[in-house]
Amino acid sequence: MTKTERSQAYGRVMTTLREVGPTKLLPAEQETIREAADTLFFTEDLGADDAARGAVEQIEELGQHLVDSERWLPERAQGLVSDVLACGPVTTV
């Protein structure tokens, strides 16, 4: 994935936080999303970065929690998770 594609994904995450964050996400959830996107965006090697691997786990867990708690539809949560993950390098963990 190119830096431009990663930047575009980061922009989508920030737009989501701005548009729906205050009404559909708790402050701690918004912070988790922001931190995961930041961590992944500034990571070059997902396999060698413990913080980035932790960010992947956290965002996947948060997405599942939003669906399980029936606060978000699965498609919406998966879109958010996909956008956050797209902020990082394409690497198998």
PDB file of N, CA and C in Angstrom:
ATOM      1  N   MET A   1       0.854  -1.173   0.000  1.00  0.00           N
ATOM      2  CA  MET A   1       0.000   0.000   0.000  1.00  0.00           C
ATOM      3  C   MET A   1       0.900   1.236   0.000  1.00  0.00           C
ATOM      4  N   THR A   2       0.546   2.191  -0.822  1.00  0.00           N
ATOM      5  CA  THR A   2       1.358   3.406  -0.919  1.00  0.00           C
ATOM      6  C   THR A   2       1.059   4.354   0.238  1.00  0.00           C
ATOM      7  N   LYS A   3       1.967   5.278   0.441  1.00  0.00           N
ATOM      8  CA  LYS A   3       1.770   6.283   1.490  1.00  0.00           C
ATOM      9  C   LYS A   3       0.516   7.116   1.193  1.00  0.00           C
ATOM     10  N   THR A   4       0.236   7.351  -0.095  1.00  0.00           N
ATOM     11  CA  THR A   4      -0.963   8.102  -0.475  1.00  0.00           C
ATOM     12  C   THR A   4      -2.224   7.340  -0.084  1.00  0.00           C
ATOM     13  N   GLU A   5      -2.243   6.043  -0.326  1.00  0.00           N
ATOM     14  CA  GLU A   5      -3.410   5.232   0.050  1.00  0.00           C
ATOM     15  C   GLU A   5      -3.572   5.191   1.560  1.00  0.00           C
ATOM     16  N   ARG A   6      -2.460   5.104   2.249  1.00  0.00           N
ATOM     17  CA  ARG A   6      -2.503   5.120   3.718  1.00  0.00           C
ATOM     18  C   ARG A   6      -3.018   6.462   4.218  1.00  0.00           C
ATOM     19  N   SER A   7      -2.584   7.543   3.589  1.00  0.00           N
ATOM     20  CA  SER A   7      -3.050   8.881   3.971  1.00  0.00           C
ATOM     21  C   SER A   7      -4.544   9.038   3.733  1.00  0.00           C
ATOM     22  N   GLN A   8      -5.021   8.509   2.627  1.00  0.00           N
ATOM     23  CA  GLN A   8      -6.454   8.574   2.328  1.00  0.00           C
ATOM     24  C   GLN A   8      -7.252   7.785   3.364  1.00  0.00           C
ATOM     25  N   ALA A   9      -6.756   6.604   3.747  1.00  0.00           N
ATOM     26  CA  ALA A   9      -7.429   5.804   4.773  1.00  0.00           C
ATOM     27  C   ALA A   9      -7.456   6.565   6.096  1.00  0.00           C
ATOM     28  N   TYR A  10      -6.340   7.195   6.437  1.00  0.00           N
ATOM     29  CA  TYR A  10      -6.263   7.981   7.665  1.00  0.00           C
ATOM     30  C   TYR A  10      -7.299   9.109   7.634  1.00  0.00           C
ATOM     31  N   GLY A  11      -7.420   9.756   6.498  1.00  0.00           N
ATOM     32  CA  GLY A  11      -8.416  10.821   6.343  1.00  0.00           C
ATOM     33  C   GLY A  11      -9.832  10.300   6.538  1.00  0.00           C
ATOM     34  N   ARG A  12     -10.113   9.116   6.022  1.00  0.00           N
ATOM     35  CA  ARG A  12     -11.457   8.531   6.209  1.00  0.00           C
ATOM     36  C   ARG A  12     -11.725   8.249   7.684  1.00  0.00           C
ATOM     37  N   VAL A  13     -10.714   7.768   8.397  1.00  0.00           N
ATOM     38  CA  VAL A  13     -10.879   7.496   9.827  1.00  0.00           C
ATOM     39  C   VAL A  13     -11.163   8.790  10.574  1.00  0.00           C
ATOM     40  N   MET A  14     -10.413   9.827  10.279  1.00  0.00           N
ATOM     41  CA  MET A  14     -10.617  11.105  10.969  1.00  0.00           C
ATOM     42  C   MET A  14     -11.982  11.698  10.630  1.00  0.00           C
ATOM     43  N   THR A  15     -12.435  11.523   9.395  1.00  0.00           N
ATOM     44  CA  THR A  15     -13.769  11.991   9.004  1.00  0.00           C
ATOM     45  C   THR A  15     -14.840  11.241   9.786  1.00  0.00           C
ATOM     46  N   THR A  16     -14.676   9.939   9.917  1.00  0.00           N
ATOM     47  CA  THR A  16     -15.631   9.143  10.692  1.00  0.00           C
ATOM     48  C   THR A  16     -15.669   9.624  12.130  1.00  0.00           C
ATOM     49  N   LEU A  17     -14.507   9.842  12.716  1.00  0.00           N
ATOM     50  CA  LEU A  17     -14.474  10.323  14.102  1.00  0.00           C
ATOM     51  C   LEU A  17     -15.153  11.675  14.241  1.00  0.00           C
ATOM     52  N   ARG A  18     -14.935  12.540  13.286  1.00  0.00           N
ATOM     53  CA  ARG A  18     -15.522  13.884  13.337  1.00  0.00           C
ATOM     54  C   ARG A  18     -17.037  13.831  13.137  1.00  0.00           C
ATOM     55  N   GLU A  19     -17.491  13.010  12.189  1.00  0.00           N
ATOM     56  CA  GLU A  19     -18.909  12.993  11.829  1.00  0.00           C
ATOM     57  C   GLU A  19     -19.771  12.153  12.763  1.00  0.00           C
ATOM     58  N   VAL A  20     -19.295  11.000  13.187  1.00  0.00           N
ATOM     59  CA  VAL A  20     -20.144  10.139  14.012  1.00  0.00           C
ATOM     60  C   VAL A  20     -19.569   9.866  15.394  1.00  0.00           C
ATOM     61  N   GLY A  21     -18.302  10.185  15.581  1.00  0.00           N
ATOM     62  CA  GLY A  21     -17.663   9.902  16.858  1.00  0.00           C
ATOM     63  C   GLY A  21     -18.393  10.437  18.065  1.00  0.00           C
ATOM     64  N   PRO A  22     -18.716  11.724  18.078  1.00  0.00           N
ATOM     65  CA  PRO A  22     -19.343  12.284  19.274  1.00  0.00           C
ATOM     66  C   PRO A  22     -20.715  11.681  19.608  1.00  0.00           C
ATOM     67  N   THR A  23     -21.434  11.182  18.613  1.00  0.00           N
ATOM     68  CA  THR A  23     -22.770  10.650  18.883  1.00  0.00           C
ATOM     69  C   THR A  23     -22.825   9.132  18.968  1.00  0.00           C
ATOM     70  N   LYS A  24     -21.878   8.444  18.357  1.00  0.00           N
ATOM     71  CA  LYS A  24     -21.943   6.979  18.285  1.00  0.00           C
ATOM     72  C   LYS A  24     -20.803   6.263  18.995  1.00  0.00           C
ATOM     73  N   LEU A  25     -19.840   7.029  19.510  1.00  0.00           N
ATOM     74  CA  LEU A  25     -18.689   6.422  20.174  1.00  0.00           C
ATOM     75  C   LEU A  25     -18.414   7.115  21.497  1.00  0.00           C
ATOM     76  N   LEU A  26     -18.047   6.319  22.482  1.00  0.00           N
ATOM     77  CA  LEU A  26     -17.636   6.878  23.760  1.00  0.00           C
ATOM     78  C   LEU A  26     -16.264   7.543  23.580  1.00  0.00           C
ATOM     79  N   PRO A  27     -15.926   8.512  24.438  1.00  0.00           N
ATOM     80  CA  PRO A  27     -14.625   9.173  24.309  1.00  0.00           C
ATOM     81  C   PRO A  27     -13.451   8.190  24.297  1.00  0.00           C
ATOM     82  N   ALA A  28     -13.476   7.174  25.133  1.00  0.00           N
ATOM     83  CA  ALA A  28     -12.385   6.193  25.160  1.00  0.00           C
ATOM     84  C   ALA A  28     -12.317   5.419  23.848  1.00  0.00           C
ATOM     85  N   GLU A  29     -13.462   5.142  23.243  1.00  0.00           N
ATOM     86  CA  GLU A  29     -13.486   4.443  21.958  1.00  0.00           C
ATOM     87  C   GLU A  29     -12.905   5.326  20.856  1.00  0.00           C
ATOM     88  N   GLN A  30     -13.256   6.596  20.892  1.00  0.00           N
ATOM     89  CA  GLN A  30     -12.697   7.533  19.913  1.00  0.00           C
ATOM     90  C   GLN A  30     -11.176   7.589  20.046  1.00  0.00           C
ATOM     91  N   GLU A  31     -10.697   7.617  21.261  1.00  0.00           N
ATOM     92  CA  GLU A  31      -9.253   7.670  21.501  1.00  0.00           C
ATOM     93  C   GLU A  31      -8.569   6.393  21.027  1.00  0.00           C
ATOM     94  N   THR A  32      -9.194   5.249  21.258  1.00  0.00           N
ATOM     95  CA  THR A  32      -8.638   3.973  20.785  1.00  0.00           C
ATOM     96  C   THR A  32      -8.492   3.984  19.275  1.00  0.00           C
ATOM     97  N   ILE A  33      -9.506   4.468  18.589  1.00  0.00           N
ATOM     98  CA  ILE A  33      -9.475   4.535  17.126  1.00  0.00           C
ATOM     99  C   ILE A  33      -8.379   5.479  16.657  1.00  0.00           C
ATOM    100  N   ARG A  34      -8.324   6.646  17.255  1.00  0.00           N
ATOM    101  CA  ARG A  34      -7.326   7.656  16.871  1.00  0.00           C
ATOM    102  C   ARG A  34      -5.904   7.121  17.112  1.00  0.00           C
ATOM    103  N   GLU A  35      -5.685   6.521  18.268  1.00  0.00           N
ATOM    104  CA  GLU A  35      -4.357   5.999  18.577  1.00  0.00           C
ATOM    105  C   GLU A  35      -3.970   4.856  17.647  1.00  0.00           C
ATOM    106  N   ALA A  36      -4.918   3.981  17.333  1.00  0.00           N
ATOM    107  CA  ALA A  36      -4.623   2.870  16.422  1.00  0.00           C
ATOM    108  C   ALA A  36      -4.263   3.398  15.036  1.00  0.00           C
ATOM    109  N   ALA A  37      -5.033   4.353  14.545  1.00  0.00           N
ATOM    110  CA  ALA A  37      -4.761   4.926  13.221  1.00  0.00           C
ATOM    111  C   ALA A  37      -3.396   5.610  13.209  1.00  0.00           C
ATOM    112  N   ASP A  38      -3.092   6.375  14.251  1.00  0.00           N
ATOM    113  CA  ASP A  38      -1.798   7.050  14.333  1.00  0.00           C
ATOM    114  C   ASP A  38      -0.655   6.037  14.365  1.00  0.00           C
ATOM    115  N   THR A  39      -0.783   5.043  15.220  1.00  0.00           N
ATOM    116  CA  THR A  39       0.266   4.034  15.358  1.00  0.00           C
ATOM    117  C   THR A  39       0.517   3.322  14.039  1.00  0.00           C
ATOM    118  N   LEU A  40      -0.560   2.896  13.387  1.00  0.00           N
ATOM    119  CA  LEU A  40      -0.399   2.171  12.133  1.00  0.00           C
ATOM    120  C   LEU A  40       0.148   3.061  11.024  1.00  0.00           C
ATOM    121  N   PHE A  41      -0.291   4.301  10.987  1.00  0.00           N
ATOM    122  CA  PHE A  41       0.167   5.204   9.938  1.00  0.00           C
ATOM    123  C   PHE A  41       1.684   5.419  10.003  1.00  0.00           C
ATOM    124  N   PHE A  42       2.224   5.485  11.207  1.00  0.00           N
ATOM    125  CA  PHE A  42       3.648   5.753  11.369  1.00  0.00           C
ATOM    126  C   PHE A  42       4.485   4.480  11.498  1.00  0.00           C
ATOM    127  N   THR A  43       3.884   3.340  11.216  1.00  0.00           N
ATOM    128  CA  THR A  43       4.591   2.058  11.256  1.00  0.00           C
ATOM    129  C   THR A  43       4.999   1.654   9.845  1.00  0.00           C
ATOM    130  N   GLU A  44       6.213   1.204   9.710  1.00  0.00           N
ATOM    131  CA  GLU A  44       6.685   0.733   8.404  1.00  0.00           C
ATOM    132  C   GLU A  44       6.707  -0.788   8.314  1.00  0.00           C
ATOM    133  N   ASP A  45       6.846  -1.474   9.458  1.00  0.00           N
ATOM    134  CA  ASP A  45       6.929  -2.934   9.454  1.00  0.00           C
ATOM    135  C   ASP A  45       6.042  -3.484  10.563  1.00  0.00           C
ATOM    136  N   LEU A  46       4.850  -3.873  10.183  1.00  0.00           N
ATOM    137  CA  LEU A  46       3.869  -4.354  11.149  1.00  0.00           C
ATOM    138  C   LEU A  46       4.379  -5.560  11.922  1.00  0.00           C
ATOM    139  N   GLY A  47       5.101  -6.438  11.254  1.00  0.00           N
ATOM    140  CA  GLY A  47       5.588  -7.647  11.895  1.00  0.00           C
ATOM    141  C   GLY A  47       6.633  -7.398  12.966  1.00  0.00           C
ATOM    142  N   ALA A  48       7.320  -6.273  12.898  1.00  0.00           N
ATOM    143  CA  ALA A  48       8.395  -5.981  13.839  1.00  0.00           C
ATOM    144  C   ALA A  48       7.992  -4.951  14.899  1.00  0.00           C
ATOM    145  N   ASP A  49       6.755  -4.527  14.896  1.00  0.00           N
ATOM    146  CA  ASP A  49       6.331  -3.446  15.793  1.00  0.00           C
ATOM    147  C   ASP A  49       5.229  -3.941  16.729  1.00  0.00           C
ATOM    148  N   ASP A  50       5.591  -4.142  18.003  1.00  0.00           N
ATOM    149  CA  ASP A  50       4.628  -4.643  18.984  1.00  0.00           C
ATOM    150  C   ASP A  50       3.456  -3.683  19.173  1.00  0.00           C
ATOM    151  N   ALA A  51       3.734  -2.381  19.164  1.00  0.00           N
ATOM    152  CA  ALA A  51       2.661  -1.393  19.343  1.00  0.00           C
ATOM    153  C   ALA A  51       1.664  -1.475  18.199  1.00  0.00           C
ATOM    154  N   ALA A  52       2.169  -1.666  16.991  1.00  0.00           N
ATOM    155  CA  ALA A  52       1.277  -1.763  15.832  1.00  0.00           C
ATOM    156  C   ALA A  52       0.438  -3.033  15.895  1.00  0.00           C
ATOM    157  N   ARG A  53       1.050  -4.130  16.283  1.00  0.00           N
ATOM    158  CA  ARG A  53       0.267  -5.374  16.419  1.00  0.00           C
ATOM    159  C   ARG A  53      -0.815  -5.209  17.495  1.00  0.00           C
ATOM    160  N   GLY A  54      -0.464  -4.518  18.570  1.00  0.00           N
ATOM    161  CA  GLY A  54      -1.451  -4.248  19.618  1.00  0.00           C
ATOM    162  C   GLY A  54      -2.578  -3.368  19.109  1.00  0.00           C
ATOM    163  N   ALA A  55      -2.239  -2.396  18.264  1.00  0.00           N
ATOM    164  CA  ALA A  55      -3.256  -1.512  17.690  1.00  0.00           C
ATOM    165  C   ALA A  55      -4.220  -2.294  16.812  1.00  0.00           C
ATOM    166  N   VAL A  56      -3.688  -3.243  16.048  1.00  0.00           N
ATOM    167  CA  VAL A  56      -4.543  -4.091  15.204  1.00  0.00           C
ATOM    168  C   VAL A  56      -5.517  -4.875  16.082  1.00  0.00           C
ATOM    169  N   GLU A  57      -5.008  -5.480  17.133  1.00  0.00           N
ATOM    170  CA  GLU A  57      -5.868  -6.255  18.040  1.00  0.00           C
ATOM    171  C   GLU A  57      -6.940  -5.367  18.672  1.00  0.00           C
ATOM    172  N   GLN A  58      -6.538  -4.190  19.128  1.00  0.00           N
ATOM    173  CA  GLN A  58      -7.491  -3.290  19.784  1.00  0.00           C
ATOM    174  C   GLN A  58      -8.600  -2.845  18.842  1.00  0.00           C
ATOM    175  N   ILE A  59      -8.257  -2.500  17.617  1.00  0.00           N
ATOM    176  CA  ILE A  59      -9.284  -1.994  16.704  1.00  0.00           C
ATOM    177  C   ILE A  59     -10.211  -3.125  16.277  1.00  0.00           C
ATOM    178  N   GLU A  60      -9.680  -4.319  16.118  1.00  0.00           N
ATOM    179  CA  GLU A  60     -10.537  -5.458  15.778  1.00  0.00           C
ATOM    180  C   GLU A  60     -11.486  -5.781  16.934  1.00  0.00           C
ATOM    181  N   GLU A  61     -10.987  -5.741  18.158  1.00  0.00           N
ATOM    182  CA  GLU A  61     -11.828  -5.971  19.330  1.00  0.00           C
ATOM    183  C   GLU A  61     -12.901  -4.891  19.461  1.00  0.00           C
ATOM    184  N   LEU A  62     -12.521  -3.642  19.237  1.00  0.00           N
ATOM    185  CA  LEU A  62     -13.489  -2.549  19.329  1.00  0.00           C
ATOM    186  C   LEU A  62     -14.580  -2.704  18.277  1.00  0.00           C
ATOM    187  N   GLY A  63     -14.199  -3.033  17.062  1.00  0.00           N
ATOM    188  CA  GLY A  63     -15.194  -3.246  16.011  1.00  0.00           C
ATOM    189  C   GLY A  63     -16.182  -4.331  16.393  1.00  0.00           C
ATOM    190  N   GLN A  64     -15.674  -5.428  16.927  1.00  0.00           N
ATOM    191  CA  GLN A  64     -16.554  -6.525  17.344  1.00  0.00           C
ATOM    192  C   GLN A  64     -17.448  -6.091  18.501  1.00  0.00           C
ATOM    193  N   HIS A  65     -16.900  -5.325  19.431  1.00  0.00           N
ATOM    194  CA  HIS A  65     -17.695  -4.831  20.567  1.00  0.00           C
ATOM    195  C   HIS A  65     -18.841  -3.923  20.090  1.00  0.00           C
ATOM    196  N   LEU A  66     -18.559  -3.065  19.127  1.00  0.00           N
ATOM    197  CA  LEU A  66     -19.605  -2.170  18.613  1.00  0.00           C
ATOM    198  C   LEU A  66     -20.746  -2.968  17.983  1.00  0.00           C
ATOM    199  N   VAL A  67     -20.422  -4.063  17.325  1.00  0.00           N
ATOM    200  CA  VAL A  67     -21.443  -4.920  16.719  1.00  0.00           C
ATOM    201  C   VAL A  67     -22.164  -5.718  17.804  1.00  0.00           C
ATOM    202  N   ASP A  68     -21.401  -6.343  18.699  1.00  0.00           N
ATOM    203  CA  ASP A  68     -21.995  -7.173  19.749  1.00  0.00           C
ATOM    204  C   ASP A  68     -22.933  -6.380  20.654  1.00  0.00           C
ATOM    205  N   SER A  69     -22.611  -5.124  20.883  1.00  0.00           N
ATOM    206  CA  SER A  69     -23.449  -4.283  21.740  1.00  0.00           C
ATOM    207  C   SER A  69     -24.615  -3.663  20.960  1.00  0.00           C
ATOM    208  N   GLU A  70     -24.697  -4.020  19.679  1.00  0.00           N
ATOM    209  CA  GLU A  70     -25.763  -3.557  18.781  1.00  0.00           C
ATOM    210  C   GLU A  70     -25.785  -2.038  18.624  1.00  0.00           C
ATOM    211  N   ARG A  71     -24.627  -1.421  18.772  1.00  0.00           N
ATOM    212  CA  ARG A  71     -24.530   0.022  18.583  1.00  0.00           C
ATOM    213  C   ARG A  71     -24.215   0.362  17.139  1.00  0.00           C
ATOM    214  N   TRP A  72     -23.517  -0.538  16.442  1.00  0.00           N
ATOM    215  CA  TRP A  72     -23.169  -0.340  15.039  1.00  0.00           C
ATOM    216  C   TRP A  72     -23.570  -1.580  14.259  1.00  0.00           C
ATOM    217  N   LEU A  73     -23.936  -1.368  13.013  1.00  0.00           N
ATOM    218  CA  LEU A  73     -24.184  -2.495  12.117  1.00  0.00           C
ATOM    219  C   LEU A  73     -22.849  -3.118  11.729  1.00  0.00           C
ATOM    220  N   PRO A  74     -22.845  -4.418  11.455  1.00  0.00           N
ATOM    221  CA  PRO A  74     -21.586  -5.081  11.097  1.00  0.00           C
ATOM    222  C   PRO A  74     -20.856  -4.414   9.929  1.00  0.00           C
ATOM    223  N   GLU A  75     -21.586  -3.990   8.917  1.00  0.00           N
ATOM    224  CA  GLU A  75     -20.954  -3.376   7.751  1.00  0.00           C
ATOM    225  C   GLU A  75     -20.246  -2.076   8.121  1.00  0.00           C
ATOM    226  N   ARG A  76     -20.871  -1.297   8.959  1.00  0.00           N
ATOM    227  CA  ARG A  76     -20.289  -0.015   9.381  1.00  0.00           C
ATOM    228  C   ARG A  76     -19.042  -0.240  10.218  1.00  0.00           C
ATOM    229  N   ALA A  77     -19.116  -1.176  11.157  1.00  0.00           N
ATOM    230  CA  ALA A  77     -17.965  -1.472  12.006  1.00  0.00           C
ATOM    231  C   ALA A  77     -16.818  -2.033  11.168  1.00  0.00           C
ATOM    232  N   GLN A  78     -17.130  -2.925  10.227  1.00  0.00           N
ATOM    233  CA  GLN A  78     -16.085  -3.494   9.382  1.00  0.00           C
ATOM    234  C   GLN A  78     -15.437  -2.423   8.509  1.00  0.00           C
ATOM    235  N   GLY A  79     -16.230  -1.476   8.045  1.00  0.00           N
ATOM    236  CA  GLY A  79     -15.671  -0.372   7.266  1.00  0.00           C
ATOM    237  C   GLY A  79     -14.687   0.441   8.080  1.00  0.00           C
ATOM    238  N   LEU A  80     -15.037   0.722   9.329  1.00  0.00           N
ATOM    239  CA  LEU A  80     -14.135   1.467  10.207  1.00  0.00           C
ATOM    240  C   LEU A  80     -12.859   0.679  10.451  1.00  0.00           C
ATOM    241  N   VAL A  81     -13.003  -0.592  10.801  1.00  0.00           N
ATOM    242  CA  VAL A  81     -11.833  -1.432  11.059  1.00  0.00           C
ATOM    243  C   VAL A  81     -10.946  -1.489   9.815  1.00  0.00           C
ATOM    244  N   SER A  82     -11.550  -1.682   8.659  1.00  0.00           N
ATOM    245  CA  SER A  82     -10.784  -1.749   7.410  1.00  0.00           C
ATOM    246  C   SER A  82     -10.034  -0.457   7.146  1.00  0.00           C
ATOM    247  N   ASP A  83     -10.694   0.680   7.391  1.00  0.00           N
ATOM    248  CA  ASP A  83     -10.030   1.962   7.184  1.00  0.00           C
ATOM    249  C   ASP A  83      -8.856   2.142   8.134  1.00  0.00           C
ATOM    250  N   VAL A  84      -9.034   1.771   9.400  1.00  0.00           N
ATOM    251  CA  VAL A  84      -7.932   1.902  10.363  1.00  0.00           C
ATOM    252  C   VAL A  84      -6.773   0.990   9.937  1.00  0.00           C
ATOM    253  N   LEU A  85      -7.084  -0.242   9.584  1.00  0.00           N
ATOM    254  CA  LEU A  85      -6.026  -1.168   9.184  1.00  0.00           C
ATOM    255  C   LEU A  85      -5.312  -0.679   7.921  1.00  0.00           C
ATOM    256  N   ALA A  86      -6.045  -0.013   7.035  1.00  0.00           N
ATOM    257  CA  ALA A  86      -5.456   0.506   5.787  1.00  0.00           C
ATOM    258  C   ALA A  86      -4.506   1.680   6.052  1.00  0.00           C
ATOM    259  N   CYS A  87      -4.499   2.205   7.269  1.00  0.00           N
ATOM    260  CA  CYS A  87      -3.545   3.256   7.619  1.00  0.00           C
ATOM    261  C   CYS A  87      -2.129   2.696   7.738  1.00  0.00           C
ATOM    262  N   GLY A  88      -2.028   1.396   7.920  1.00  0.00           N
ATOM    263  CA  GLY A  88      -0.730   0.769   8.130  1.00  0.00           C
ATOM    264  C   GLY A  88      -0.204   0.086   6.882  1.00  0.00           C
ATOM    265  N   PRO A  89       0.993  -0.459   7.010  1.00  0.00           N
ATOM    266  CA  PRO A  89       1.594  -1.176   5.895  1.00  0.00           C
ATOM    267  C   PRO A  89       0.883  -2.504   5.687  1.00  0.00           C
ATOM    268  N   VAL A  90       0.886  -2.979   4.476  1.00  0.00           N
ATOM    269  CA  VAL A  90       0.290  -4.272   4.187  1.00  0.00           C
ATOM    270  C   VAL A  90       1.334  -5.330   4.531  1.00  0.00           C
ATOM    271  N   THR A  91       1.077  -6.036   5.620  1.00  0.00           N
ATOM    272  CA  THR A  91       1.975  -7.077   6.086  1.00  0.00           C
ATOM    273  C   THR A  91       1.158  -8.088   6.856  1.00  0.00           C
ATOM    274  N   THR A  92       1.522  -9.329   6.767  1.00  0.00           N
ATOM    275  CA  THR A  92       0.854 -10.364   7.538  1.00  0.00           C
ATOM    276  C   THR A  92       1.433 -10.364   8.941  1.00  0.00           C
ATOM    277  N   VAL A  93       0.544 -10.352   9.939  1.00  0.00           N
ATOM    278  CA  VAL A  93       0.996 -10.361  11.334  1.00  0.00           C
ATOM    279  C   VAL A  93       1.261 -11.781  11.750  1.00  0.00           C
TER     280      VAL A  93
END
